[in-house]
All heavy atoms as atom14 arrays in JSON, in Angstrom:
{
  "sequence": "LLHPNDDINMSQSSNDTFPTAMSIAAVMGVEDRVIPAIDTLVNTFK",
  "atom14_mask": [
    [1, 1, 1, 1, 1, 1, 1, 1, 0, 0, 0, 0, 0, 0],
    [1, 1, 1, 1, 1, 1, 1, 1, 0, 0, 0, 0, 0, 0],
    [1, 1, 1, 1, 1, 1, 1, 1, 1, 1, 0, 0, 0, 0],
    [1, 1, 1, 1, 1, 1, 1, 0, 0, 0, 0, 0, 0, 0],
    [1, 1, 1, 1, 1, 1, 1, 1, 0, 0, 0, 0, 0, 0],
    [1, 1, 1, 1, 1, 1, 1, 1, 0, 0, 0, 0, 0, 0],
    [1, 1, 1, 1, 1, 1, 1, 1, 0, 0, 0, 0, 0, 0],
    [1, 1, 1, 1, 1, 1, 1, 1, 0, 0, 0, 0, 0, 0],
    [1, 1, 1, 1, 1, 1, 1, 1, 0, 0, 0, 0, 0, 0],
    [1, 1, 1, 1, 1, 1, 1, 1, 0, 0, 0, 0, 0, 0],
    [1, 1, 1, 1, 1, 1, 0, 0, 0, 0, 0, 0, 0, 0],
    [1, 1, 1, 1, 1, 1, 1, 1, 1, 0, 0, 0, 0, 0],
    [1, 1, 1, 1, 1, 1, 0, 0, 0, 0, 0, 0, 0, 0],
    [1, 1, 1, 1, 1, 1, 0, 0, 0, 0, 0, 0, 0, 0],
    [1, 1, 1, 1, 1, 1, 1, 1, 0, 0, 0, 0, 0, 0],
    [1, 1, 1, 1, 1, 1, 1, 1, 0, 0, 0, 0, 0, 0],
    [1, 1, 1, 1, 1, 1, 1, 0, 0, 0, 0, 0, 0, 0],
    [1, 1, 1, 1, 1, 1, 1, 1, 1, 1, 1, 0, 0, 0],
    [1, 1, 1, 1, 1, 1, 1, 0, 0, 0, 0, 0, 0, 0],
    [1, 1, 1, 1, 1, 1, 1, 0, 0, 0, 0, 0, 0, 0],
    [1, 1, 1, 1, 1, 0, 0, 0, 0, 0, 0, 0, 0, 0],
    [1, 1, 1, 1, 1, 1, 1, 1, 0, 0, 0, 0, 0, 0],
    [1, 1, 1, 1, 1, 1, 0, 0, 0, 0, 0, 0, 0, 0],
    [1, 1, 1, 1, 1, 1, 1, 1, 0, 0, 0, 0, 0, 0],
    [1, 1, 1, 1, 1, 0, 0, 0, 0, 0, 0, 0, 0, 0],
    [1, 1, 1, 1, 1, 0, 0, 0, 0, 0, 0, 0, 0, 0],
    [1, 1, 1, 1, 1, 1, 1, 0, 0, 0, 0, 0, 0, 0],
    [1, 1, 1, 1, 1, 1, 1, 1, 0, 0, 0, 0, 0, 0],
    [1, 1, 1, 1, 0, 0, 0, 0, 0, 0, 0, 0, 0, 0],
    [1, 1, 1, 1, 1, 1, 1, 0, 0, 0, 0, 0, 0, 0],
    [1, 1, 1, 1, 1, 1, 1, 1, 1, 0, 0, 0, 0, 0],
    [1, 1, 1, 1, 1, 1, 1, 1, 0, 0, 0, 0, 0, 0],
    [1, 1, 1, 1, 1, 1, 1, 1, 1, 1, 1, 0, 0, 0],
    [1, 1, 1, 1, 1, 1, 1, 0, 0, 0, 0, 0, 0, 0],
    [1, 1, 1, 1, 1, 1, 1, 1, 0, 0, 0, 0, 0, 0],
    [1, 1, 1, 1, 1, 1, 1, 0, 0, 0, 0, 0, 0, 0],
    [1, 1, 1, 1, 1, 0, 0, 0, 0, 0, 0, 0, 0, 0],
    [1, 1, 1, 1, 1, 1, 1, 1, 0, 0, 0, 0, 0, 0],
    [1, 1, 1, 1, 1, 1, 1, 1, 0, 0, 0, 0, 0, 0],
    [1, 1, 1, 1, 1, 1, 1, 0, 0, 0, 0, 0, 0, 0],
    [1, 1, 1, 1, 1, 1, 1, 1, 0, 0, 0, 0, 0, 0],
    [1, 1, 1, 1, 1, 1, 1, 0, 0, 0, 0, 0, 0, 0],
    [1, 1, 1, 1, 1, 1, 1, 1, 0, 0, 0, 0, 0, 0],
    [1, 1, 1, 1, 1, 1, 1, 0, 0, 0, 0, 0, 0, 0],
    [1, 1, 1, 1, 1, 1, 1, 1, 1, 1, 1, 0, 0, 0],
    [1, 1, 1, 1, 1, 1, 1, 1, 1, 0, 0, 0, 0, 0]
  ],
  "atom14_positions": [
    [[0.81, -1.21, 0.0], [0.0, 0.0, 0.0], [0.84, 1.27, 0.0], [0.48, 2.27, -0.62], [-0.91, -0.01, 1.24], [-1.8, 1.2, 1.48], [-2.87, 1.3, 0.4], [-2.43, 1.12, 2.86], [0.0, 0.0, 0.0], [0.0, 0.0, 0.0], [0.0, 0.0, 0.0], [0.0, 0.0, 0.0], [0.0, 0.0, 0.0], [0.0, 0.0, 0.0]],
    [[2.0, 1.23, 0.69], [2.77, 2.44, 0.97], [4.14, 2.42, 0.31], [4.81, 1.38, 0.27], [2.94, 2.61, 2.48], [1.65, 2.65, 3.3], [1.97, 2.57, 4.79], [0.86, 3.92, 2.99], [0.0, 0.0, 0.0], [0.0, 0.0, 0.0], [0.0, 0.0, 0.0], [0.0, 0.0, 0.0], [0.0, 0.0, 0.0], [0.0, 0.0, 0.0]],
    [[4.56, 3.59, -0.19], [5.91, 3.75, -0.74], [6.68, 4.71, 0.18], [6.13, 5.73, 0.6], [5.84, 4.32, -2.15], [7.16, 4.39, -2.85], [8.07, 5.42, -2.64], [7.75, 3.55, -3.74], [9.14, 5.22, -3.38], [8.98, 4.08, -4.06], [0.0, 0.0, 0.0], [0.0, 0.0, 0.0], [0.0, 0.0, 0.0], [0.0, 0.0, 0.0]],
    [[7.95, 4.42, 0.49], [8.71, 5.26, 1.43], [8.76, 6.73, 1.04], [8.54, 7.61, 1.88], [10.11, 4.64, 1.42], [9.89, 3.23, 1.0], [8.73, 3.26, 0.05], [0.0, 0.0, 0.0], [0.0, 0.0, 0.0], [0.0, 0.0, 0.0], [0.0, 0.0, 0.0], [0.0, 0.0, 0.0], [0.0, 0.0, 0.0], [0.0, 0.0, 0.0]],
    [[9.03, 6.99, -0.25], [9.16, 8.38, -0.7], [7.82, 9.02, -1.02], [7.52, 10.14, -0.59], [10.07, 8.46, -1.93], [11.49, 8.0, -1.64], [11.75, 6.8, -1.62], [12.39, 8.94, -1.42], [0.0, 0.0, 0.0], [0.0, 0.0, 0.0], [0.0, 0.0, 0.0], [0.0, 0.0, 0.0], [0.0, 0.0, 0.0], [0.0, 0.0, 0.0]],
    [[7.01, 8.3, -1.79], [5.77, 8.9, -2.28], [4.72, 9.08, -1.2], [3.9, 10.02, -1.28], [5.19, 8.02, -3.41], [6.09, 7.99, -4.63], [6.89, 8.93, -4.81], [6.01, 7.01, -5.4], [0.0, 0.0, 0.0], [0.0, 0.0, 0.0], [0.0, 0.0, 0.0], [0.0, 0.0, 0.0], [0.0, 0.0, 0.0], [0.0, 0.0, 0.0]],
    [[4.72, 8.24, -0.19], [3.67, 8.29, 0.84], [4.19, 8.77, 2.2], [3.69, 9.74, 2.75], [3.01, 6.92, 0.98], [2.31, 6.48, -0.29], [1.47, 7.27, -0.79], [2.61, 5.39, -0.81], [0.0, 0.0, 0.0], [0.0, 0.0, 0.0], [0.0, 0.0, 0.0], [0.0, 0.0, 0.0], [0.0, 0.0, 0.0], [0.0, 0.0, 0.0]],
    [[5.21, 8.09, 2.72], [5.69, 8.44, 4.05], [6.4, 9.79, 4.04], [6.31, 10.56, 4.98], [6.64, 7.36, 4.61], [6.08, 5.96, 4.37], [6.88, 7.59, 6.11], [4.68, 5.73, 4.93], [0.0, 0.0, 0.0], [0.0, 0.0, 0.0], [0.0, 0.0, 0.0], [0.0, 0.0, 0.0], [0.0, 0.0, 0.0], [0.0, 0.0, 0.0]],
    [[7.08, 10.09, 2.95], [7.83, 11.34, 2.83], [7.05, 12.4, 2.05], [7.59, 13.43, 1.67], [9.17, 11.08, 2.13], [10.22, 12.15, 2.43], [10.55, 12.38, 3.59], [10.72, 12.8, 1.4], [0.0, 0.0, 0.0], [0.0, 0.0, 0.0], [0.0, 0.0, 0.0], [0.0, 0.0, 0.0], [0.0, 0.0, 0.0], [0.0, 0.0, 0.0]],
    [[5.75, 12.19, 1.83], [4.93, 13.11, 1.06], [4.98, 14.52, 1.65], [4.82, 14.7, 2.85], [3.48, 12.62, 1.02], [2.56, 13.43, 0.12], [0.82, 12.9, 0.25], [0.92, 11.21, -0.36], [0.0, 0.0, 0.0], [0.0, 0.0, 0.0], [0.0, 0.0, 0.0], [0.0, 0.0, 0.0], [0.0, 0.0, 0.0], [0.0, 0.0, 0.0]],
    [[5.24, 15.51, 0.81], [5.28, 16.94, 1.18], [6.46, 17.28, 2.09], [6.45, 18.31, 2.76], [3.97, 17.37, 1.86], [2.84, 17.02, 1.11], [0.0, 0.0, 0.0], [0.0, 0.0, 0.0], [0.0, 0.0, 0.0], [0.0, 0.0, 0.0], [0.0, 0.0, 0.0], [0.0, 0.0, 0.0], [0.0, 0.0, 0.0], [0.0, 0.0, 0.0]],
    [[7.46, 16.42, 2.11], [8.59, 16.61, 3.03], [9.93, 16.46, 2.31], [10.0, 15.99, 1.18], [8.55, 15.57, 4.15], [7.25, 15.51, 4.94], [7.03, 14.13, 5.5], [7.81, 13.64, 6.33], [5.96, 13.46, 5.09], [0.0, 0.0, 0.0], [0.0, 0.0, 0.0], [0.0, 0.0, 0.0], [0.0, 0.0, 0.0], [0.0, 0.0, 0.0]],
    [[10.97, 16.85, 3.02], [12.36, 16.64, 2.61], [13.14, 16.28, 3.87], [12.74, 16.65, 4.98], [12.93, 17.92, 1.99], [14.35, 17.88, 1.96], [0.0, 0.0, 0.0], [0.0, 0.0, 0.0], [0.0, 0.0, 0.0], [0.0, 0.0, 0.0], [0.0, 0.0, 0.0], [0.0, 0.0, 0.0], [0.0, 0.0, 0.0], [0.0, 0.0, 0.0]],
    [[14.23, 15.58, 3.69], [15.11, 15.35, 4.85], [15.53, 16.67, 5.49], [15.74, 16.76, 6.7], [16.37, 14.59, 4.42], [16.03, 13.32, 3.92], [0.0, 0.0, 0.0], [0.0, 0.0, 0.0], [0.0, 0.0, 0.0], [0.0, 0.0, 0.0], [0.0, 0.0, 0.0], [0.0, 0.0, 0.0], [0.0, 0.0, 0.0], [0.0, 0.0, 0.0]],
    [[15.63, 17.71, 4.64], [16.14, 18.99, 5.11], [15.18, 19.72, 6.06], [15.61, 20.61, 6.8], [16.46, 19.9, 3.92], [17.59, 19.33, 3.08], [18.22, 18.34, 3.45], [17.85, 19.95, 1.94], [0.0, 0.0, 0.0], [0.0, 0.0, 0.0], [0.0, 0.0, 0.0], [0.0, 0.0, 0.0], [0.0, 0.0, 0.0], [0.0, 0.0, 0.0]],
    [[13.88, 19.38, 6.0], [12.96, 19.98, 6.97], [12.48, 18.98, 8.02], [12.04, 19.37, 9.1], [11.79, 20.69, 6.28], [10.84, 19.77, 5.54], [11.16, 18.59, 5.35], [9.77, 20.24, 5.13], [0.0, 0.0, 0.0], [0.0, 0.0, 0.0], [0.0, 0.0, 0.0], [0.0, 0.0, 0.0], [0.0, 0.0, 0.0], [0.0, 0.0, 0.0]],
    [[12.58, 17.68, 7.72], [12.14, 16.7, 8.72], [13.16, 16.55, 9.85], [12.78, 16.47, 11.02], [11.87, 15.32, 8.1], [13.06, 14.85, 7.45], [10.72, 15.37, 7.13], [0.0, 0.0, 0.0], [0.0, 0.0, 0.0], [0.0, 0.0, 0.0], [0.0, 0.0, 0.0], [0.0, 0.0, 0.0], [0.0, 0.0, 0.0], [0.0, 0.0, 0.0]],
    [[14.45, 16.53, 9.51], [15.42, 16.31, 10.58], [15.45, 17.47, 11.57], [15.44, 17.24, 12.79], [16.83, 16.04, 10.02], [17.72, 15.36, 11.04], [17.74, 13.98, 11.14], [18.49, 16.1, 11.92], [18.53, 13.35, 12.11], [19.27, 15.48, 12.89], [19.29, 14.1, 12.97], [0.0, 0.0, 0.0], [0.0, 0.0, 0.0], [0.0, 0.0, 0.0]],
    [[15.47, 18.74, 11.12], [15.41, 19.82, 12.11], [14.1, 19.81, 12.9], [14.08, 20.22, 14.07], [15.56, 21.09, 11.28], [15.31, 20.71, 9.88], [15.69, 19.27, 9.76], [0.0, 0.0, 0.0], [0.0, 0.0, 0.0], [0.0, 0.0, 0.0], [0.0, 0.0, 0.0], [0.0, 0.0, 0.0], [0.0, 0.0, 0.0], [0.0, 0.0, 0.0]],
    [[13.02, 19.33, 12.3], [11.76, 19.21, 13.03], [11.87, 18.14, 14.11], [11.41, 18.34, 15.25], [10.61, 18.87, 12.06], [10.45, 19.95, 11.14], [9.31, 18.65, 12.81], [0.0, 0.0, 0.0], [0.0, 0.0, 0.0], [0.0, 0.0, 0.0], [0.0, 0.0, 0.0], [0.0, 0.0, 0.0], [0.0, 0.0, 0.0], [0.0, 0.0, 0.0]],
    [[12.48, 17.02, 13.77], [12.7, 15.97, 14.77], [13.57, 16.49, 15.91], [13.34, 16.16, 17.08], [13.35, 14.74, 14.11], [0.0, 0.0, 0.0], [0.0, 0.0, 0.0], [0.0, 0.0, 0.0], [0.0, 0.0, 0.0], [0.0, 0.0, 0.0], [0.0, 0.0, 0.0], [0.0, 0.0, 0.0], [0.0, 0.0, 0.0], [0.0, 0.0, 0.0]],
    [[14.56, 17.3, 15.57], [15.42, 17.91, 16.59], [14.6, 18.77, 17.55], [14.76, 18.69, 18.78], [16.51, 18.75, 15.94], [17.56, 17.96, 15.18], [18.67, 19.0, 14.21], [19.55, 19.9, 15.49], [0.0, 0.0, 0.0], [0.0, 0.0, 0.0], [0.0, 0.0, 0.0], [0.0, 0.0, 0.0], [0.0, 0.0, 0.0], [0.0, 0.0, 0.0]],
    [[13.72, 19.58, 17.0], [12.9, 20.47, 17.83], [11.99, 19.66, 18.76], [11.87, 19.95, 19.96], [12.05, 21.38, 16.95], [12.85, 22.28, 16.23], [0.0, 0.0, 0.0], [0.0, 0.0, 0.0], [0.0, 0.0, 0.0], [0.0, 0.0, 0.0], [0.0, 0.0, 0.0], [0.0, 0.0, 0.0], [0.0, 0.0, 0.0], [0.0, 0.0, 0.0]],
    [[11.33, 18.65, 18.2], [10.42, 17.82, 19.0], [11.19, 17.13, 20.12], [10.77, 17.13, 21.28], [9.71, 16.79, 18.11], [8.78, 17.5, 17.12], [8.92, 15.8, 18.96], [8.22, 16.59, 16.04], [0.0, 0.0, 0.0], [0.0, 0.0, 0.0], [0.0, 0.0, 0.0], [0.0, 0.0, 0.0], [0.0, 0.0, 0.0], [0.0, 0.0, 0.0]],
    [[12.33, 16.52, 19.78], [13.12, 15.8, 20.78], [13.63, 16.74, 21.86], [13.62, 16.4, 23.06], [14.3, 15.1, 20.1], [0.0, 0.0, 0.0], [0.0, 0.0, 0.0], [0.0, 0.0, 0.0], [0.0, 0.0, 0.0], [0.0, 0.0, 0.0], [0.0, 0.0, 0.0], [0.0, 0.0, 0.0], [0.0, 0.0, 0.0], [0.0, 0.0, 0.0]],
    [[14.07, 17.94, 21.47], [14.6, 18.9, 22.44], [13.52, 19.37, 23.4], [13.72, 19.42, 24.62], [15.22, 20.09, 21.71], [0.0, 0.0, 0.0], [0.0, 0.0, 0.0], [0.0, 0.0, 0.0], [0.0, 0.0, 0.0], [0.0, 0.0, 0.0], [0.0, 0.0, 0.0], [0.0, 0.0, 0.0], [0.0, 0.0, 0.0], [0.0, 0.0, 0.0]],
    [[12.36, 19.72, 22.86], [11.25, 20.2, 23.71], [10.79, 19.12, 24.67], [10.61, 19.37, 25.87], [10.08, 20.69, 22.83], [8.83, 20.91, 23.68], [10.45, 21.96, 22.1], [0.0, 0.0, 0.0], [0.0, 0.0, 0.0], [0.0, 0.0, 0.0], [0.0, 0.0, 0.0], [0.0, 0.0, 0.0], [0.0, 0.0, 0.0], [0.0, 0.0, 0.0]],
    [[10.61, 17.92, 24.17], [10.13, 16.83, 25.02], [11.16, 16.49, 26.09], [10.81, 16.19, 27.24], [9.78, 15.61, 24.18], [8.61, 15.86, 23.24], [8.1, 14.42, 22.28], [7.27, 13.45, 23.54], [0.0, 0.0, 0.0], [0.0, 0.0, 0.0], [0.0, 0.0, 0.0], [0.0, 0.0, 0.0], [0.0, 0.0, 0.0], [0.0, 0.0, 0.0]],
    [[12.43, 16.56, 25.74], [13.47, 16.27, 26.71], [13.51, 17.29, 27.84], [13.6, 16.94, 29.02], [0.0, 0.0, 0.0], [0.0, 0.0, 0.0], [0.0, 0.0, 0.0], [0.0, 0.0, 0.0], [0.0, 0.0, 0.0], [0.0, 0.0, 0.0], [0.0, 0.0, 0.0], [0.0, 0.0, 0.0], [0.0, 0.0, 0.0], [0.0, 0.0, 0.0]],
    [[13.43, 18.56, 27.47], [13.48, 19.63, 28.47], [12.22, 19.61, 29.34], [12.3, 19.66, 30.57], [13.65, 21.0, 27.8], [13.45, 22.13, 28.81], [15.04, 21.11, 27.18], [0.0, 0.0, 0.0], [0.0, 0.0, 0.0], [0.0, 0.0, 0.0], [0.0, 0.0, 0.0], [0.0, 0.0, 0.0], [0.0, 0.0, 0.0], [0.0, 0.0, 0.0]],
    [[11.05, 19.53, 28.7], [9.8, 19.62, 29.45], [9.49, 18.36, 30.25], [8.97, 18.45, 31.37], [8.63, 19.91, 28.5], [8.58, 21.35, 28.0], [7.25, 21.7, 27.37], [6.47, 20.78, 27.04], [6.98, 22.9, 27.2], [0.0, 0.0, 0.0], [0.0, 0.0, 0.0], [0.0, 0.0, 0.0], [0.0, 0.0, 0.0], [0.0, 0.0, 0.0]],
    [[9.79, 17.2, 29.68], [9.36, 15.95, 30.31], [10.42, 15.29, 31.17], [10.11, 14.4, 31.98], [8.89, 14.95, 29.24], [7.7, 15.46, 28.45], [7.05, 16.41, 28.93], [7.43, 14.93, 27.36], [0.0, 0.0, 0.0], [0.0, 0.0, 0.0], [0.0, 0.0, 0.0], [0.0, 0.0, 0.0], [0.0, 0.0, 0.0], [0.0, 0.0, 0.0]],
    [[11.68, 15.72, 31.03], [12.74, 15.08, 31.8], [13.5, 16.06, 32.69], [13.6, 15.85, 33.9], [13.72, 14.36, 30.85], [13.06, 13.28, 30.0], [14.09, 12.35, 29.37], [14.79, 11.56, 30.37], [15.71, 10.64, 30.08], [16.05, 10.42, 28.83], [16.3, 9.95, 31.03], [0.0, 0.0, 0.0], [0.0, 0.0, 0.0], [0.0, 0.0, 0.0]],
    [[14.04, 17.11, 32.09], [14.9, 18.0, 32.87], [14.11, 18.79, 33.9], [14.48, 18.83, 35.09], [15.68, 18.97, 31.95], [16.55, 19.89, 32.79], [16.55, 18.19, 30.97], [0.0, 0.0, 0.0], [0.0, 0.0, 0.0], [0.0, 0.0, 0.0], [0.0, 0.0, 0.0], [0.0, 0.0, 0.0], [0.0, 0.0, 0.0], [0.0, 0.0, 0.0]],
    [[13.03, 19.44, 33.48], [12.27, 20.28, 34.42], [11.68, 19.47, 35.57], [11.78, 19.9, 36.73], [11.21, 21.1, 33.66], [11.92, 22.18, 32.83], [10.2, 21.72, 34.61], [11.0, 23.04, 31.98], [0.0, 0.0, 0.0], [0.0, 0.0, 0.0], [0.0, 0.0, 0.0], [0.0, 0.0, 0.0], [0.0, 0.0, 0.0], [0.0, 0.0, 0.0]],
    [[11.09, 18.3, 35.34], [10.62, 17.5, 36.48], [11.75, 17.1, 37.43], [11.55, 17.04, 38.65], [9.99, 16.27, 35.82], [9.55, 16.75, 34.48], [10.62, 17.72, 34.06], [0.0, 0.0, 0.0], [0.0, 0.0, 0.0], [0.0, 0.0, 0.0], [0.0, 0.0, 0.0], [0.0, 0.0, 0.0], [0.0, 0.0, 0.0], [0.0, 0.0, 0.0]],
    [[12.94, 16.82, 36.89], [14.08, 16.47, 37.74], [14.5, 17.66, 38.59], [14.84, 17.52, 39.77], [15.24, 15.96, 36.9], [0.0, 0.0, 0.0], [0.0, 0.0, 0.0], [0.0, 0.0, 0.0], [0.0, 0.0, 0.0], [0.0, 0.0, 0.0], [0.0, 0.0, 0.0], [0.0, 0.0, 0.0], [0.0, 0.0, 0.0], [0.0, 0.0, 0.0]],
    [[14.49, 18.86, 37.99], [14.78, 20.07, 38.76], [13.78, 20.23, 39.89], [14.14, 20.5, 41.04], [14.74, 21.32, 37.84], [15.93, 21.32, 36.87], [14.76, 22.6, 38.68], [15.88, 22.44, 35.85], [0.0, 0.0, 0.0], [0.0, 0.0, 0.0], [0.0, 0.0, 0.0], [0.0, 0.0, 0.0], [0.0, 0.0, 0.0], [0.0, 0.0, 0.0]],
    [[12.5, 20.05, 39.58], [11.45, 20.2, 40.6], [11.65, 19.23, 41.76], [11.43, 19.58, 42.92], [10.08, 19.98, 39.97], [9.66, 21.13, 39.05], [10.22, 22.23, 39.18], [8.77, 20.91, 38.2], [0.0, 0.0, 0.0], [0.0, 0.0, 0.0], [0.0, 0.0, 0.0], [0.0, 0.0, 0.0], [0.0, 0.0, 0.0], [0.0, 0.0, 0.0]],
    [[12.07, 18.01, 41.45], [12.3, 17.02, 42.5], [13.38, 17.47, 43.46], [13.22, 17.4, 44.69], [12.69, 15.67, 41.87], [11.61, 15.18, 41.07], [13.02, 14.63, 42.94], [0.0, 0.0, 0.0], [0.0, 0.0, 0.0], [0.0, 0.0, 0.0], [0.0, 0.0, 0.0], [0.0, 0.0, 0.0], [0.0, 0.0, 0.0], [0.0, 0.0, 0.0]],
    [[14.49, 17.95, 42.92], [15.6, 18.39, 43.76], [15.25, 19.67, 44.51], [15.61, 19.84, 45.69], [16.85, 18.58, 42.9], [18.19, 18.77, 43.63], [18.42, 17.69, 44.68], [19.34, 18.78, 42.62], [0.0, 0.0, 0.0], [0.0, 0.0, 0.0], [0.0, 0.0, 0.0], [0.0, 0.0, 0.0], [0.0, 0.0, 0.0], [0.0, 0.0, 0.0]],
    [[14.52, 20.57, 43.86], [14.08, 21.8, 44.52], [13.21, 21.47, 45.73], [13.35, 22.07, 46.81], [13.31, 22.71, 43.53], [12.5, 23.77, 44.27], [14.28, 23.39, 42.57], [0.0, 0.0, 0.0], [0.0, 0.0, 0.0], [0.0, 0.0, 0.0], [0.0, 0.0, 0.0], [0.0, 0.0, 0.0], [0.0, 0.0, 0.0], [0.0, 0.0, 0.0]],
    [[12.3, 20.53, 45.58], [11.42, 20.15, 46.7], [12.21, 19.56, 47.86], [11.87, 19.8, 49.03], [10.36, 19.17, 46.22], [9.31, 19.82, 45.34], [9.06, 21.02, 45.46], [8.7, 19.05, 44.46], [0.0, 0.0, 0.0], [0.0, 0.0, 0.0], [0.0, 0.0, 0.0], [0.0, 0.0, 0.0], [0.0, 0.0, 0.0], [0.0, 0.0, 0.0]],
    [[13.26, 18.82, 47.56], [14.12, 18.29, 48.63], [14.81, 19.42, 49.36], [14.88, 19.43, 50.6], [15.16, 17.32, 48.05], [14.48, 16.16, 47.53], [16.16, 16.87, 49.11], [0.0, 0.0, 0.0], [0.0, 0.0, 0.0], [0.0, 0.0, 0.0], [0.0, 0.0, 0.0], [0.0, 0.0, 0.0], [0.0, 0.0, 0.0], [0.0, 0.0, 0.0]],
    [[15.32, 20.39, 48.62], [15.99, 21.53, 49.26], [15.0, 22.36, 50.09], [15.35, 22.87, 51.16], [16.68, 22.4, 48.22], [17.93, 21.78, 47.64], [18.32, 22.06, 46.34], [18.72, 20.93, 48.4], [19.47, 21.49, 45.8], [19.87, 20.35, 47.87], [20.25, 20.63, 46.58], [0.0, 0.0, 0.0], [0.0, 0.0, 0.0], [0.0, 0.0, 0.0]],
    [[13.76, 22.49, 49.62], [12.75, 23.2, 50.41], [12.53, 22.51, 51.74], [12.41, 23.17, 52.79], [11.44, 23.28, 49.62], [11.44, 24.28, 48.49], [10.09, 24.31, 47.78], [10.06, 25.35, 46.67], [8.76, 25.36, 45.95], [0.0, 0.0, 0.0], [0.0, 0.0, 0.0], [0.0, 0.0, 0.0], [0.0, 0.0, 0.0], [0.0, 0.0, 0.0]]
  ]
}
């Protein structure tokens, strides 16, 4: 049913998908991992 370029890569290029993946990974890492870890240590210090 699916072709790698024609369907999965439709309307895209490696040149815009990879920086998008970078943005998603960076945001999720900071929001879901780093900030909760900071909050944990802050609460201990409190």
